[in-house]
């Protein structure tokens, strides 16, 4: 599994934000309204980030010899969870960021300022989730073994 690149996550977020903005513009032009972004979104994003960080910290402790009894399968699952957190954070950043940008561009509508702040806070939570995913993914790297090479023969 290769490491997730922040540039890839940024590209995902930008594409999703553009599509979200276009969808919001189309929805409002056809007399629709964007859904409300509740405060619970930020709380859930931060809770998920905390769980991913706690699991990753366990793997980091194992890497430094402070936890000798870590199941390797748990470490692999933590690495996969970290990768999922990266991409989920990028997708949510695009989704809520696109909504926020649209709402800020249409502040003449009453209530859009409050809704833009809520979308902005959800986007910040998404950034936290993505960054935690990247950090935990680094925690799960296996250090290279001394003198071992891929494809080498065992004597």
C-alpha atoms as a PDB file:
ATOM      1  CA  UNK A   1       0.000   0.000   0.000  1.00  0.00           C
ATOM      2  CA  UNK A   2       1.460   3.344  -0.991  1.00  0.00           C
ATOM      3  CA  UNK A   3       1.235   6.447   1.146  1.00  0.00           C
ATOM      4  CA  UNK A   4      -1.582   8.860   0.446  1.00  0.00           C
ATOM      5  CA  UNK A   5      -0.365  12.114  -1.086  1.00  0.00           C
ATOM      6  CA  UNK A   6      -1.795  15.369   0.149  1.00  0.00           C
ATOM      7  CA  UNK A   7      -1.895  16.659  -3.440  1.00  0.00           C
ATOM      8  CA  UNK A   8      -4.260  13.824  -4.378  1.00  0.00           C
ATOM      9  CA  UNK A   9      -6.518  14.683  -1.444  1.00  0.00           C
ATOM     10  CA  UNK A  10      -6.481  18.345  -2.435  1.00  0.00           C
ATOM     11  CA  UNK A  11      -7.443  17.439  -6.008  1.00  0.00           C
ATOM     12  CA  UNK A  12     -10.341  15.303  -4.735  1.00  0.00           C
ATOM     13  CA  UNK A  13     -11.526  18.157  -2.513  1.00  0.00           C
ATOM     14  CA  UNK A  14     -11.345  20.731  -5.322  1.00  0.00           C
ATOM     15  CA  UNK A  15     -13.230  18.538  -7.820  1.00  0.00           C
ATOM     16  CA  UNK A  16     -15.952  17.698  -5.274  1.00  0.00           C
ATOM     17  CA  UNK A  17     -16.216  21.373  -4.261  1.00  0.00           C
ATOM     18  CA  UNK A  18     -16.675  22.434  -7.879  1.00  0.00           C
ATOM     19  CA  UNK A  19     -19.336  19.777  -8.444  1.00  0.00           C
ATOM     20  CA  UNK A  20     -21.075  20.725  -5.193  1.00  0.00           C
ATOM     21  CA  UNK A  21     -21.061  24.410  -6.108  1.00  0.00           C
ATOM     22  CA  UNK A  22     -22.500  23.584  -9.534  1.00  0.00           C
ATOM     23  CA  UNK A  23     -25.154  21.361  -7.963  1.00  0.00           C
ATOM     24  CA  UNK A  24     -26.076  24.042  -5.417  1.00  0.00           C
ATOM     25  CA  UNK A  25     -26.326  26.671  -8.141  1.00  0.00           C
ATOM     26  CA  UNK A  26     -28.563  24.391 -10.222  1.00  0.00           C
ATOM     27  CA  UNK A  27     -30.725  23.491  -7.224  1.00  0.00           C
ATOM     28  CA  UNK A  28     -31.311  27.097  -6.214  1.00  0.00           C
ATOM     29  CA  UNK A  29     -31.987  28.176  -9.823  1.00  0.00           C
ATOM     30  CA  UNK A  30     -34.812  25.601  -9.844  1.00  0.00           C
ATOM     31  CA  UNK A  31     -36.357  26.978  -6.627  1.00  0.00           C
ATOM     32  CA  UNK A  32     -34.668  24.462  -4.356  1.00  0.00           C
ATOM     33  CA  UNK A  33     -32.764  25.055  -1.179  1.00  0.00           C
ATOM     34  CA  UNK A  34     -29.509  23.606   0.147  1.00  0.00           C
ATOM     35  CA  UNK A  35     -29.860  21.290   3.124  1.00  0.00           C
ATOM     36  CA  UNK A  36     -28.972  22.683   6.539  1.00  0.00           C
ATOM     37  CA  UNK A  37     -25.606  21.680   7.956  1.00  0.00           C
ATOM     38  CA  UNK A  38     -26.107  20.754  11.594  1.00  0.00           C
ATOM     39  CA  UNK A  39     -23.629  21.179  14.440  1.00  0.00           C
ATOM     40  CA  UNK A  40     -23.554  17.407  14.810  1.00  0.00           C
ATOM     41  CA  UNK A  41     -21.538  17.111  11.582  1.00  0.00           C
ATOM     42  CA  UNK A  42     -18.528  18.830  13.160  1.00  0.00           C
ATOM     43  CA  UNK A  43     -18.865  16.773  16.342  1.00  0.00           C
ATOM     44  CA  UNK A  44     -18.958  13.480  14.426  1.00  0.00           C
ATOM     45  CA  UNK A  45     -15.982  14.450  12.252  1.00  0.00           C
ATOM     46  CA  UNK A  46     -13.927  15.317  15.324  1.00  0.00           C
ATOM     47  CA  UNK A  47     -15.027  12.145  17.117  1.00  0.00           C
ATOM     48  CA  UNK A  48     -13.982   9.978  14.182  1.00  0.00           C
ATOM     49  CA  UNK A  49     -10.657  11.827  13.986  1.00  0.00           C
ATOM     50  CA  UNK A  50     -10.091  11.189  17.709  1.00  0.00           C
ATOM     51  CA  UNK A  51     -10.805   7.458  17.326  1.00  0.00           C
ATOM     52  CA  UNK A  52      -8.461   7.175  14.327  1.00  0.00           C
ATOM     53  CA  UNK A  53      -5.757   9.059  16.234  1.00  0.00           C
ATOM     54  CA  UNK A  54      -6.152   6.841  19.315  1.00  0.00           C
ATOM     55  CA  UNK A  55      -5.854   3.676  17.225  1.00  0.00           C
ATOM     56  CA  UNK A  56      -2.877   5.113  15.390  1.00  0.00           C
ATOM     57  CA  UNK A  57      -1.198   6.093  18.641  1.00  0.00           C
ATOM     58  CA  UNK A  58      -1.349   2.435  19.711  1.00  0.00           C
ATOM     59  CA  UNK A  59       0.499   1.441  16.537  1.00  0.00           C
ATOM     60  CA  UNK A  60       3.042   4.214  17.100  1.00  0.00           C
ATOM     61  CA  UNK A  61       3.656   2.959  20.638  1.00  0.00           C
ATOM     62  CA  UNK A  62       4.266  -0.513  19.229  1.00  0.00           C
ATOM     63  CA  UNK A  63       6.744   0.883  16.681  1.00  0.00           C
ATOM     64  CA  UNK A  64       8.708   2.487  19.536  1.00  0.00           C
ATOM     65  CA  UNK A  65       8.740  -0.704  21.619  1.00  0.00           C
ATOM     66  CA  UNK A  66       6.334   0.526  24.288  1.00  0.00           C
ATOM     67  CA  UNK A  67       3.590  -1.941  23.411  1.00  0.00           C
ATOM     68  CA  UNK A  68       4.931  -5.405  22.635  1.00  0.00           C
ATOM     69  CA  UNK A  69       1.590  -7.177  22.205  1.00  0.00           C
ATOM     70  CA  UNK A  70       0.013  -5.491  19.186  1.00  0.00           C
ATOM     71  CA  UNK A  71      -1.770  -7.807  16.762  1.00  0.00           C
ATOM     72  CA  UNK A  72      -0.380  -7.176  13.240  1.00  0.00           C
ATOM     73  CA  UNK A  73      -3.882  -7.453  11.785  1.00  0.00           C
ATOM     74  CA  UNK A  74      -4.977  -4.576  14.015  1.00  0.00           C
ATOM     75  CA  UNK A  75      -2.093  -2.476  12.704  1.00  0.00           C
ATOM     76  CA  UNK A  76      -3.098  -3.184   9.103  1.00  0.00           C
ATOM     77  CA  UNK A  77      -6.725  -2.330   9.861  1.00  0.00           C
ATOM     78  CA  UNK A  78      -5.603   0.903  11.492  1.00  0.00           C
ATOM     79  CA  UNK A  79      -3.601   1.800   8.385  1.00  0.00           C
ATOM     80  CA  UNK A  80      -6.644   1.145   6.185  1.00  0.00           C
ATOM     81  CA  UNK A  81      -8.833   3.207   8.518  1.00  0.00           C
ATOM     82  CA  UNK A  82      -6.317   6.042   8.281  1.00  0.00           C
ATOM     83  CA  UNK A  83      -6.422   5.920   4.485  1.00  0.00           C
ATOM     84  CA  UNK A  84     -10.228   5.940   4.584  1.00  0.00           C
ATOM     85  CA  UNK A  85     -10.141   8.938   6.939  1.00  0.00           C
ATOM     86  CA  UNK A  86      -7.905  10.805   4.483  1.00  0.00           C
ATOM     87  CA  UNK A  87     -10.273  10.327   1.569  1.00  0.00           C
ATOM     88  CA  UNK A  88     -13.413  10.860   3.644  1.00  0.00           C
ATOM     89  CA  UNK A  89     -11.976  14.119   4.933  1.00  0.00           C
ATOM     90  CA  UNK A  90     -11.157  15.240   1.384  1.00  0.00           C
ATOM     91  CA  UNK A  91     -14.631  14.357   0.120  1.00  0.00           C
ATOM     92  CA  UNK A  92     -16.336  16.112   3.018  1.00  0.00           C
ATOM     93  CA  UNK A  93     -14.092  19.146   2.610  1.00  0.00           C
ATOM     94  CA  UNK A  94     -15.200  19.396  -1.004  1.00  0.00           C
ATOM     95  CA  UNK A  95     -18.859  18.868  -0.124  1.00  0.00           C
ATOM     96  CA  UNK A  96     -19.081  21.377   2.714  1.00  0.00           C
ATOM     97  CA  UNK A  97     -16.526  23.728   1.172  1.00  0.00           C
ATOM     98  CA  UNK A  98     -18.516  23.896  -2.047  1.00  0.00           C
ATOM     99  CA  UNK A  99     -21.693  24.623  -0.114  1.00  0.00           C
ATOM    100  CA  UNK A 100     -19.911  27.286   1.927  1.00  0.00           C
ATOM    101  CA  UNK A 101     -18.515  29.008  -1.149  1.00  0.00           C
ATOM    102  CA  UNK A 102     -21.930  29.034  -2.792  1.00  0.00           C
ATOM    103  CA  UNK A 103     -23.626  30.389   0.325  1.00  0.00           C
ATOM    104  CA  UNK A 104     -21.011  33.129   0.764  1.00  0.00           C
ATOM    105  CA  UNK A 105     -21.538  34.167  -2.859  1.00  0.00           C
ATOM    106  CA  UNK A 106     -25.293  34.564  -2.181  1.00  0.00           C
ATOM    107  CA  UNK A 107     -25.398  36.411   1.159  1.00  0.00           C
ATOM    108  CA  UNK A 108     -28.348  38.587   0.083  1.00  0.00           C
ATOM    109  CA  UNK A 109     -30.629  35.664   0.957  1.00  0.00           C
ATOM    110  CA  UNK A 110     -31.578  35.832   4.648  1.00  0.00           C
ATOM    111  CA  UNK A 111     -29.989  33.053   6.690  1.00  0.00           C
ATOM    112  CA  UNK A 112     -27.247  32.224   4.197  1.00  0.00           C
ATOM    113  CA  UNK A 113     -24.592  33.796   6.423  1.00  0.00           C
ATOM    114  CA  UNK A 114     -25.450  31.459   9.304  1.00  0.00           C
ATOM    115  CA  UNK A 115     -25.602  28.498   6.956  1.00  0.00           C
ATOM    116  CA  UNK A 116     -22.230  29.450   5.418  1.00  0.00           C
ATOM    117  CA  UNK A 117     -20.642  29.497   8.881  1.00  0.00           C
ATOM    118  CA  UNK A 118     -22.071  26.030   9.622  1.00  0.00           C
ATOM    119  CA  UNK A 119     -20.731  24.693   6.309  1.00  0.00           C
ATOM    120  CA  UNK A 120     -17.368  26.335   7.000  1.00  0.00           C
ATOM    121  CA  UNK A 121     -17.133  24.678  10.423  1.00  0.00           C
ATOM    122  CA  UNK A 122     -17.979  21.310   8.873  1.00  0.00           C
ATOM    123  CA  UNK A 123     -15.238  21.913   6.283  1.00  0.00           C
ATOM    124  CA  UNK A 124     -12.747  22.635   9.076  1.00  0.00           C
ATOM    125  CA  UNK A 125     -13.737  19.351  10.747  1.00  0.00           C
ATOM    126  CA  UNK A 126     -13.157  17.588   7.431  1.00  0.00           C
ATOM    127  CA  UNK A 127      -9.655  19.076   7.202  1.00  0.00           C
ATOM    128  CA  UNK A 128      -8.926  17.817  10.725  1.00  0.00           C
ATOM    129  CA  UNK A 129     -10.129  14.343   9.731  1.00  0.00           C
ATOM    130  CA  UNK A 130      -7.940  14.279   6.619  1.00  0.00           C
ATOM    131  CA  UNK A 131      -4.858  15.530   8.458  1.00  0.00           C
ATOM    132  CA  UNK A 132      -5.319  12.992  11.250  1.00  0.00           C
ATOM    133  CA  UNK A 133      -5.650  10.283   8.604  1.00  0.00           C
ATOM    134  CA  UNK A 134      -2.360  11.358   7.016  1.00  0.00           C
ATOM    135  CA  UNK A 135      -0.586  11.443  10.394  1.00  0.00           C
ATOM    136  CA  UNK A 136      -1.875   8.029  11.461  1.00  0.00           C
ATOM    137  CA  UNK A 137      -0.945   6.590   8.078  1.00  0.00           C
ATOM    138  CA  UNK A 138       2.627   7.730   8.796  1.00  0.00           C
ATOM    139  CA  UNK A 139       2.411   6.087  12.228  1.00  0.00           C
ATOM    140  CA  UNK A 140       1.623   2.781  10.518  1.00  0.00           C
ATOM    141  CA  UNK A 141       4.684   2.710   8.268  1.00  0.00           C
ATOM    142  CA  UNK A 142       6.894  -0.276   8.772  1.00  0.00           C
ATOM    143  CA  UNK A 143      10.544   0.725   9.112  1.00  0.00           C
ATOM    144  CA  UNK A 144      12.916  -0.940   6.652  1.00  0.00           C
ATOM    145  CA  UNK A 145      14.614  -4.013   8.024  1.00  0.00           C
ATOM    146  CA  UNK A 146      18.390  -3.908   8.460  1.00  0.00           C
ATOM    147  CA  UNK A 147      20.238  -5.381   5.480  1.00  0.00           C
ATOM    148  CA  UNK A 148      17.125  -6.993   3.985  1.00  0.00           C
ATOM    149  CA  UNK A 149      16.435  -6.340   0.349  1.00  0.00           C
ATOM    150  CA  UNK A 150      13.457  -7.211  -1.764  1.00  0.00           C
ATOM    151  CA  UNK A 151      14.184 -10.151  -3.986  1.00  0.00           C
ATOM    152  CA  UNK A 152      17.278 -11.149  -2.030  1.00  0.00           C
ATOM    153  CA  UNK A 153      17.980 -14.755  -1.276  1.00  0.00           C
ATOM    154  CA  UNK A 154      17.730 -16.230   2.198  1.00  0.00           C
ATOM    155  CA  UNK A 155      20.860 -18.103   3.299  1.00  0.00           C
END
